[in-house]
Amino acid sequence: MLNGSLINSKLPQVGTTIFTIMGKLASEHNAINLSQGFPDYSCSQELVELIHKNMLAGNNQYAPMQGLLSLREAISKKMDAAYEKKYDAETEITITAGATQAIFTAISTIVYQGDEVIIFEPAYDCYAPAIEIYGGKVIPITLRFPNYTVDWQEVASLVNTKTRAIIINNPNNPSSSVFNKSDLLQLENIVRNTNIVIISDEVYEHLIFDSAEHYSVAHFEGLSKRSFIVYSFGKTYHATGWKIGYCIAPKELMSEFRKVHQFNVFCVNHPIQQALAEHMKRAEGYLSLPQFFQQKRDFFVGKLAGSRFTILPSKGTYFQLLSYEKISKENDVVFAERLIKEFKIAGIPLSVFYSNKEDNKVLRFCFAKKNETLLRAAEILKSI
């Protein structure tokens, strides 16, 4: 017995995620759910038919541990075309059970007791718990509100011999901000001549707006040679429930990653991998995403014209931040809950993405929805 209990929690401060809480509350109150990041429209019918075809063809048993070679080859070609960076399909690409599994596996591969890992807040909520499970210490750096930019001098000042990794999320969820070329160059300079590993969460790589370019760490030699880069098929192909993604890293890093991966999930859904390998031959499926989601962002924002909310810039992802500072001084969690109960509209409070619960009176709303859903949501928000 451990102090009268069968288990001594590794995550004593962690409870149910805000996504589960708000999703459940939205369901209970029959509210429009713009809290969780998933579409309410169908994914490609062609892709669904390809999966069905592969199921009928008998591709229903274990896939190779590292992922189907044809899919890894398609990813390799895409990385070369998009970022002019060649990754070896055999040794540097692994298919994962979603991006979160890839991030968790990368962290478990490199973090030891007492290691420090820098993250940027507001931060996607899977980073800190994974670091803490392996005895690491989270070093949070706050992005500067309201544009959510990085103070790179602060980053440099916090780097020391205990710094094992820096996790970046570009485009950033939940802030909808993006790193520009200068940001990546400064990061590259900070980690030069160190043993720091970068974990780059780039699941929204194709969701960048206003003709901006996505600057992947793959673009930069000083970063790519020390980076795990994580991507999501679910985000790219409107199918978050499939939980399939991939991780890219130099051979030395990927070899260690796979040692953990094989005892974690071993392998990933076989027929979906077969279908994706064929579907990826048509690059238009992901190259059209910036325009597709920008139209949704602009539609939603346009319908909010005249509301009391202040619209903060959404430069990437499929999330829109709205400040309610002119409406209420309530805590953002309290305000978000009241919106669900009284107005039947669900968003996510941003304070939950900060270790210090910083409250800037901002909520996050997902616009990966049908236009009729966005119109109904905007009408409600304008009434508040």
Protein backbone atom coordinates (compact mmCIF):
# COMPACT_ATOMS: atom_id res chain seq x y z
CA MET A 1 0.00 0.00 0.00
CA LEU A 2 1.20 3.54 -0.78
CA ASN A 3 0.06 5.91 1.95
CA GLY A 4 -3.14 3.94 2.27
CA SER A 5 -3.71 3.79 -1.49
CA LEU A 6 -2.91 1.26 -4.18
CA ILE A 7 -1.44 3.97 -6.40
CA ASN A 8 0.58 7.13 -6.00
CA SER A 9 -0.59 9.32 -8.88
CA LYS A 10 2.02 10.49 -11.38
CA LEU A 11 -0.35 13.31 -12.38
CA PRO A 12 -2.01 14.41 -9.13
CA GLN A 13 -3.07 17.80 -10.52
CA VAL A 14 -4.56 16.44 -13.74
CA GLY A 15 -8.29 15.88 -14.10
CA THR A 16 -10.67 15.47 -17.02
CA THR A 17 -9.65 17.57 -20.03
CA ILE A 18 -11.53 20.77 -20.83
CA PHE A 19 -12.53 19.28 -24.20
CA THR A 20 -14.39 16.43 -22.52
CA ILE A 21 -15.99 18.77 -19.97
CA MET A 22 -17.21 21.32 -22.50
CA GLY A 23 -18.25 18.65 -25.00
CA LYS A 24 -20.35 16.89 -22.35
CA LEU A 25 -21.87 20.17 -21.20
CA ALA A 26 -22.70 21.15 -24.78
CA SER A 27 -24.43 17.81 -25.30
CA GLU A 28 -26.42 18.10 -22.08
CA HIS A 29 -27.68 21.58 -23.00
CA ASN A 30 -28.14 20.90 -26.72
CA ALA A 31 -25.67 23.67 -27.52
CA ILE A 32 -23.84 24.30 -30.80
CA ASN A 33 -20.44 22.77 -30.11
CA LEU A 34 -17.59 24.93 -31.39
CA SER A 35 -15.41 23.86 -28.48
CA GLN A 36 -13.76 20.72 -29.84
CA GLY A 37 -11.62 20.78 -32.97
CA PHE A 38 -13.49 18.47 -35.30
CA PRO A 39 -15.57 19.04 -38.46
CA ASP A 40 -19.33 18.52 -38.58
CA TYR A 41 -19.15 17.71 -42.30
CA SER A 42 -18.07 14.50 -44.02
CA CYS A 43 -14.58 13.61 -45.11
CA SER A 44 -13.80 12.61 -48.71
CA GLN A 45 -16.17 9.95 -50.02
CA GLU A 46 -13.38 8.75 -52.28
CA LEU A 47 -11.16 8.16 -49.27
CA VAL A 48 -13.91 6.26 -47.47
CA GLU A 49 -14.40 4.07 -50.55
CA LEU A 50 -10.67 3.40 -50.74
CA ILE A 51 -10.70 2.21 -47.13
CA HIS A 52 -13.68 -0.03 -47.87
CA LYS A 53 -11.93 -1.40 -50.94
CA ASN A 54 -8.86 -2.27 -48.89
CA MET A 55 -10.94 -3.90 -46.20
CA LEU A 56 -12.62 -6.07 -48.83
CA ALA A 57 -9.20 -6.84 -50.29
CA GLY A 58 -8.18 -8.40 -47.00
CA ASN A 59 -5.85 -5.70 -45.65
CA ASN A 60 -7.23 -6.15 -42.16
CA GLN A 61 -4.30 -7.66 -40.28
CA TYR A 62 -1.26 -6.02 -38.68
CA ALA A 63 0.52 -3.42 -40.73
CA PRO A 64 4.33 -3.17 -40.45
CA MET A 65 5.41 -1.67 -37.12
CA GLN A 66 6.89 1.45 -38.74
CA GLY A 67 3.95 1.87 -41.10
CA LEU A 68 3.13 0.82 -44.63
CA LEU A 69 6.11 1.49 -46.89
CA SER A 70 3.97 2.87 -49.72
CA LEU A 71 2.48 5.46 -47.33
CA ARG A 72 5.90 6.40 -45.97
CA GLU A 73 7.13 6.81 -49.53
CA ALA A 74 4.19 9.11 -50.31
CA ILE A 75 5.03 11.18 -47.21
CA SER A 76 8.67 11.37 -48.23
CA LYS A 77 7.70 12.73 -51.66
CA LYS A 78 5.36 15.24 -50.08
CA MET A 79 8.06 16.53 -47.68
CA ASP A 80 10.48 16.96 -50.57
CA ALA A 81 7.88 18.84 -52.63
CA ALA A 82 6.64 21.01 -49.77
CA TYR A 83 9.83 21.74 -47.85
CA GLU A 84 12.66 20.68 -50.17
CA LYS A 85 13.83 18.23 -47.54
CA LYS A 86 14.46 14.56 -48.28
CA TYR A 87 13.54 12.06 -45.57
CA ASP A 88 14.25 8.39 -46.04
CA ALA A 89 10.98 6.43 -46.11
CA GLU A 90 12.63 3.35 -44.66
CA THR A 91 14.42 4.83 -41.67
CA GLU A 92 13.09 8.34 -40.93
CA ILE A 93 9.27 8.17 -41.09
CA THR A 94 6.93 6.29 -38.76
CA ILE A 95 3.12 6.09 -38.95
CA THR A 96 1.48 6.68 -35.57
CA ALA A 97 -1.91 6.35 -33.90
CA GLY A 98 -2.54 10.08 -34.19
CA ALA A 99 -0.34 13.07 -33.45
CA THR A 100 -0.79 12.89 -29.69
CA GLN A 101 0.69 9.39 -29.61
CA ALA A 102 3.62 10.61 -31.70
CA ILE A 103 4.24 13.50 -29.30
CA PHE A 104 3.97 11.25 -26.26
CA THR A 105 6.35 8.73 -27.81
CA ALA A 106 8.88 11.42 -28.74
CA ILE A 107 8.81 12.79 -25.19
CA SER A 108 9.14 9.33 -23.66
CA THR A 109 12.08 8.62 -25.98
CA ILE A 110 14.23 11.54 -24.83
CA VAL A 111 13.09 12.86 -21.42
CA TYR A 112 14.74 11.60 -18.23
CA GLN A 113 14.24 12.45 -14.57
CA GLY A 114 15.26 16.06 -13.95
CA ASP A 115 15.39 17.12 -17.60
CA GLU A 116 13.87 20.49 -18.46
CA VAL A 117 11.54 20.93 -21.42
CA ILE A 118 10.51 24.36 -22.68
CA ILE A 119 6.95 24.79 -23.92
CA PHE A 120 5.08 27.88 -25.09
CA GLU A 121 1.80 28.84 -23.45
CA PRO A 122 -1.07 28.80 -24.14
CA ALA A 123 -0.04 25.21 -24.93
CA TYR A 124 -1.94 22.23 -26.26
CA ASP A 125 -2.69 20.21 -23.16
CA CYS A 126 -0.89 16.93 -23.95
CA TYR A 127 2.65 18.32 -23.65
CA ALA A 128 3.08 19.00 -19.92
CA PRO A 129 1.56 15.76 -18.57
CA ALA A 130 3.77 13.61 -20.82
CA ILE A 131 6.87 15.51 -19.68
CA GLU A 132 5.92 15.12 -16.02
CA ILE A 133 5.15 11.40 -16.34
CA TYR A 134 8.81 10.82 -17.24
CA GLY A 135 10.11 13.00 -14.43
CA GLY A 136 10.85 16.04 -16.55
CA LYS A 137 10.31 19.62 -15.49
CA VAL A 138 8.10 21.85 -17.64
CA ILE A 139 9.55 25.30 -18.31
CA PRO A 140 6.62 27.41 -19.59
CA ILE A 141 7.17 30.56 -21.62
CA THR A 142 4.15 32.79 -22.15
CA LEU A 143 3.41 33.99 -25.67
CA ARG A 144 2.88 37.75 -25.63
CA PHE A 145 -0.79 38.68 -25.72
CA PRO A 146 -2.70 39.69 -27.85
CA ASN A 147 -0.66 38.56 -30.90
CA TYR A 148 0.85 35.54 -29.16
CA THR A 149 4.43 36.20 -30.23
CA VAL A 150 7.62 34.75 -28.72
CA ASP A 151 10.22 36.68 -26.75
CA TRP A 152 13.27 34.81 -28.03
CA GLN A 153 15.58 36.58 -25.58
CA GLU A 154 13.55 35.02 -22.79
CA VAL A 155 13.90 31.62 -24.44
CA ALA A 156 17.68 32.03 -24.70
CA SER A 157 17.88 33.10 -21.05
CA LEU A 158 16.11 29.92 -19.89
CA VAL A 159 18.23 27.48 -21.90
CA ASN A 160 20.83 25.70 -19.76
CA THR A 161 22.60 22.36 -19.45
CA LYS A 162 19.41 20.75 -18.13
CA THR A 163 17.35 21.78 -21.17
CA ARG A 164 16.55 18.53 -22.97
CA ALA A 165 13.95 19.69 -25.44
CA ILE A 166 11.88 22.57 -26.76
CA ILE A 167 8.35 21.86 -27.97
CA ILE A 168 6.87 24.16 -30.57
CA ASN A 169 3.40 24.10 -32.10
CA ASN A 170 3.23 25.82 -35.47
CA PRO A 171 0.55 26.86 -36.38
CA ASN A 172 -0.34 27.13 -32.73
CA ASN A 173 -3.38 25.62 -31.06
CA PRO A 174 -5.06 27.33 -29.26
CA SER A 175 -3.75 30.82 -30.15
CA SER A 176 -4.06 30.50 -33.97
CA SER A 177 -0.68 32.26 -34.31
CA VAL A 178 2.12 31.14 -36.64
CA PHE A 179 5.89 31.33 -36.59
CA ASN A 180 7.52 33.35 -39.34
CA LYS A 181 10.95 32.74 -40.84
CA SER A 182 12.63 35.00 -38.29
CA ASP A 183 11.18 32.95 -35.43
CA LEU A 184 12.65 29.72 -36.77
CA LEU A 185 16.02 31.33 -37.47
CA GLN A 186 16.18 32.61 -33.89
CA LEU A 187 15.27 29.17 -32.55
CA GLU A 188 17.94 27.65 -34.78
CA ASN A 189 20.51 30.04 -33.37
CA ILE A 190 19.52 29.33 -29.76
CA VAL A 191 19.95 25.55 -30.06
CA ARG A 192 23.15 25.69 -32.11
CA ASN A 193 26.01 23.90 -30.32
CA THR A 194 23.63 22.25 -27.85
CA ASN A 195 22.15 18.76 -27.48
CA ILE A 196 18.60 20.14 -27.33
CA VAL A 197 15.98 18.18 -29.25
CA ILE A 198 13.07 19.97 -30.93
CA ILE A 199 9.61 18.42 -30.95
CA SER A 200 7.69 20.32 -33.61
CA ASP A 201 3.93 19.83 -33.59
CA GLU A 202 2.89 20.80 -37.13
CA VAL A 203 -0.50 19.14 -37.39
CA TYR A 204 -2.03 22.31 -38.88
CA GLU A 205 0.73 22.73 -41.47
CA HIS A 206 -1.72 23.28 -44.33
CA LEU A 207 -4.06 25.57 -42.42
CA ILE A 208 -2.28 28.90 -42.86
CA PHE A 209 -4.09 31.93 -44.23
CA ASP A 210 -3.66 35.18 -46.13
CA SER A 211 -1.06 33.71 -48.51
CA ALA A 212 1.43 33.17 -45.69
CA GLU A 213 3.97 30.35 -45.87
CA HIS A 214 4.32 27.53 -43.38
CA TYR A 215 7.88 27.49 -42.07
CA SER A 216 8.49 23.93 -40.97
CA VAL A 217 11.60 23.04 -38.97
CA ALA A 218 12.30 20.80 -41.97
CA HIS A 219 13.23 23.99 -43.85
CA PHE A 220 16.21 24.65 -41.56
CA GLU A 221 19.23 22.35 -41.46
CA GLY A 222 20.17 23.38 -37.92
CA LEU A 223 16.68 22.39 -36.74
CA SER A 224 15.78 19.43 -38.94
CA LYS A 225 18.84 17.44 -37.79
CA ARG A 226 17.61 17.59 -34.17
CA SER A 227 13.82 17.50 -34.62
CA PHE A 228 10.92 15.14 -34.27
CA ILE A 229 8.22 16.60 -36.54
CA VAL A 230 4.64 15.50 -35.94
CA TYR A 231 1.75 15.57 -38.41
CA SER A 232 -1.90 14.49 -38.48
CA PHE A 233 -3.87 12.86 -41.28
CA GLY A 234 -6.99 13.47 -39.23
CA LYS A 235 -6.56 17.24 -39.43
CA THR A 236 -5.59 17.17 -43.10
CA TYR A 237 -8.38 14.91 -44.33
CA HIS A 238 -11.26 15.97 -42.01
CA ALA A 239 -11.26 12.63 -40.16
CA THR A 240 -10.10 13.24 -36.59
CA GLY A 241 -11.76 10.04 -35.36
CA TRP A 242 -9.40 7.84 -37.34
CA LYS A 243 -6.50 8.84 -35.04
CA ILE A 244 -3.72 8.39 -37.54
CA GLY A 245 -0.66 10.59 -38.01
CA TYR A 246 3.05 10.33 -38.52
CA CYS A 247 6.39 11.38 -37.11
CA ILE A 248 9.50 12.36 -39.07
CA ALA A 249 13.02 12.55 -37.67
CA PRO A 250 16.64 11.86 -38.62
CA LYS A 251 17.58 8.17 -38.55
CA GLU A 252 19.38 8.35 -35.19
CA LEU A 253 16.35 9.87 -33.46
CA MET A 254 13.79 7.74 -35.30
CA SER A 255 15.57 4.53 -34.37
CA GLU A 256 15.07 5.31 -30.68
CA PHE A 257 11.51 6.55 -31.30
CA ARG A 258 10.59 3.21 -32.86
CA LYS A 259 11.94 1.29 -29.87
CA VAL A 260 9.26 2.99 -27.76
CA HIS A 261 6.59 3.01 -30.47
CA GLN A 262 6.72 -0.77 -30.99
CA PHE A 263 5.85 -1.41 -27.34
CA ASN A 264 3.26 1.36 -27.20
CA VAL A 265 0.88 0.74 -30.11
CA PHE A 266 3.15 -1.47 -32.29
CA CYS A 267 1.32 -0.59 -35.50
CA VAL A 268 -1.55 1.47 -36.92
CA ASN A 269 -4.80 0.81 -38.81
CA HIS A 270 -3.86 -1.12 -41.96
CA PRO A 271 -6.72 -0.42 -44.42
CA ILE A 272 -6.63 3.31 -43.68
CA GLN A 273 -2.89 3.37 -44.37
CA GLN A 274 -3.47 1.62 -47.70
CA ALA A 275 -6.16 4.16 -48.61
CA LEU A 276 -4.06 7.17 -47.61
CA ALA A 277 -1.09 5.95 -49.65
CA GLU A 278 -3.27 6.01 -52.75
CA HIS A 279 -5.16 9.18 -51.83
CA MET A 280 -1.97 11.18 -51.26
CA LYS A 281 -1.08 10.82 -54.94
CA ARG A 282 -3.51 13.72 -55.51
CA ALA A 283 -1.83 16.60 -53.73
CA GLU A 284 -4.83 18.86 -54.30
CA GLY A 285 -6.44 17.18 -51.31
CA TYR A 286 -4.16 19.07 -48.94
CA LEU A 287 -2.97 21.95 -51.12
CA SER A 288 -6.53 23.29 -51.27
CA LEU A 289 -6.88 23.45 -47.48
CA PRO A 290 -5.65 27.04 -46.92
CA GLN A 291 -8.31 28.46 -49.22
CA PHE A 292 -10.99 26.08 -47.92
CA PHE A 293 -10.49 27.03 -44.28
CA GLN A 294 -9.81 30.71 -44.93
CA GLN A 295 -13.24 30.91 -46.55
CA LYS A 296 -14.75 29.41 -43.40
CA ARG A 297 -12.78 31.77 -41.16
CA ASP A 298 -13.82 34.80 -43.21
CA PHE A 299 -17.45 33.65 -43.33
CA PHE A 300 -17.60 33.22 -39.55
CA VAL A 301 -15.80 36.49 -38.82
CA GLY A 302 -17.97 38.33 -41.34
CA LYS A 303 -21.13 37.11 -39.66
CA LEU A 304 -19.80 38.33 -36.30
CA ALA A 305 -19.58 41.92 -37.55
CA GLY A 306 -21.33 44.21 -35.09
CA SER A 307 -21.00 41.84 -32.12
CA ARG A 308 -19.59 42.94 -28.77
CA PHE A 309 -16.80 40.39 -29.05
CA THR A 310 -13.35 41.55 -30.16
CA ILE A 311 -12.01 39.39 -32.97
CA LEU A 312 -8.35 38.42 -32.52
CA PRO A 313 -6.27 37.47 -35.59
CA SER A 314 -6.51 33.85 -36.73
CA LYS A 315 -3.42 33.24 -38.86
CA GLY A 316 -3.65 29.46 -38.88
CA THR A 317 -5.44 26.33 -37.56
CA TYR A 318 -9.23 26.17 -37.71
CA PHE A 319 -9.82 28.16 -34.55
CA GLN A 320 -10.97 31.72 -34.00
CA LEU A 321 -10.27 33.57 -30.76
CA LEU A 322 -12.82 36.03 -29.44
CA SER A 323 -12.24 38.43 -26.55
CA TYR A 324 -15.28 39.06 -24.36
CA GLU A 325 -13.59 41.80 -22.30
CA LYS A 326 -16.24 44.35 -23.36
CA ILE A 327 -19.04 41.98 -22.33
CA SER A 328 -18.10 40.55 -18.94
CA LYS A 329 -15.39 40.48 -16.29
CA GLU A 330 -16.20 36.88 -15.37
CA ASN A 331 -13.52 34.24 -15.25
CA ASP A 332 -13.27 32.66 -18.71
CA VAL A 333 -14.23 29.17 -17.53
CA VAL A 334 -17.31 30.56 -15.78
CA PHE A 335 -18.21 32.66 -18.82
CA ALA A 336 -17.78 29.69 -21.19
CA GLU A 337 -20.03 27.55 -19.04
CA ARG A 338 -22.65 30.32 -18.93
CA LEU A 339 -22.61 30.62 -22.72
CA ILE A 340 -23.46 26.93 -22.97
CA LYS A 341 -26.21 26.96 -20.36
CA GLU A 342 -27.85 30.29 -21.23
CA PHE A 343 -27.07 30.81 -24.92
CA LYS A 344 -26.53 27.25 -26.21
CA ILE A 345 -23.09 27.92 -27.71
CA ALA A 346 -19.86 26.18 -26.64
CA GLY A 347 -16.31 27.49 -26.85
CA ILE A 348 -13.10 26.74 -24.97
CA PRO A 349 -11.66 29.12 -22.32
CA LEU A 350 -7.98 29.85 -22.95
CA SER A 351 -6.88 30.02 -19.32
CA VAL A 352 -6.85 26.21 -19.15
CA PHE A 353 -3.90 26.20 -21.57
CA TYR A 354 -1.69 28.15 -19.13
CA SER A 355 0.06 26.64 -16.13
CA ASN A 356 -0.69 29.83 -14.17
CA LYS A 357 -4.30 29.97 -15.49
CA GLU A 358 -3.70 33.38 -17.10
CA ASP A 359 -7.10 34.82 -17.96
CA ASN A 360 -7.21 37.37 -20.79
CA LYS A 361 -11.01 37.03 -21.23
CA VAL A 362 -10.62 35.01 -24.43
CA LEU A 363 -12.51 32.00 -25.78
CA ARG A 364 -11.59 29.71 -28.67
CA PHE A 365 -14.18 28.68 -31.25
CA CYS A 366 -13.73 26.03 -33.96
CA PHE A 367 -14.80 27.07 -37.46
CA ALA A 368 -14.29 23.66 -39.10
CA LYS A 369 -18.05 23.48 -39.42
CA LYS A 370 -20.74 23.70 -42.07
CA ASN A 371 -21.62 27.28 -43.00
CA GLU A 372 -25.12 26.84 -41.60
CA THR A 373 -23.59 25.82 -38.26
CA LEU A 374 -21.31 28.86 -38.29
CA LEU A 375 -24.21 31.15 -39.21
CA ARG A 376 -26.34 29.91 -36.32
CA ALA A 377 -23.37 30.23 -33.95
CA ALA A 378 -22.61 33.78 -35.11
CA GLU A 379 -26.22 34.82 -34.66
CA ILE A 380 -26.14 33.62 -31.07
CA LEU A 381 -22.81 35.33 -30.35
CA LYS A 382 -24.09 38.59 -31.85
CA SER A 383 -27.08 38.47 -29.50
CA ILE A 384 -24.90 38.42 -26.39
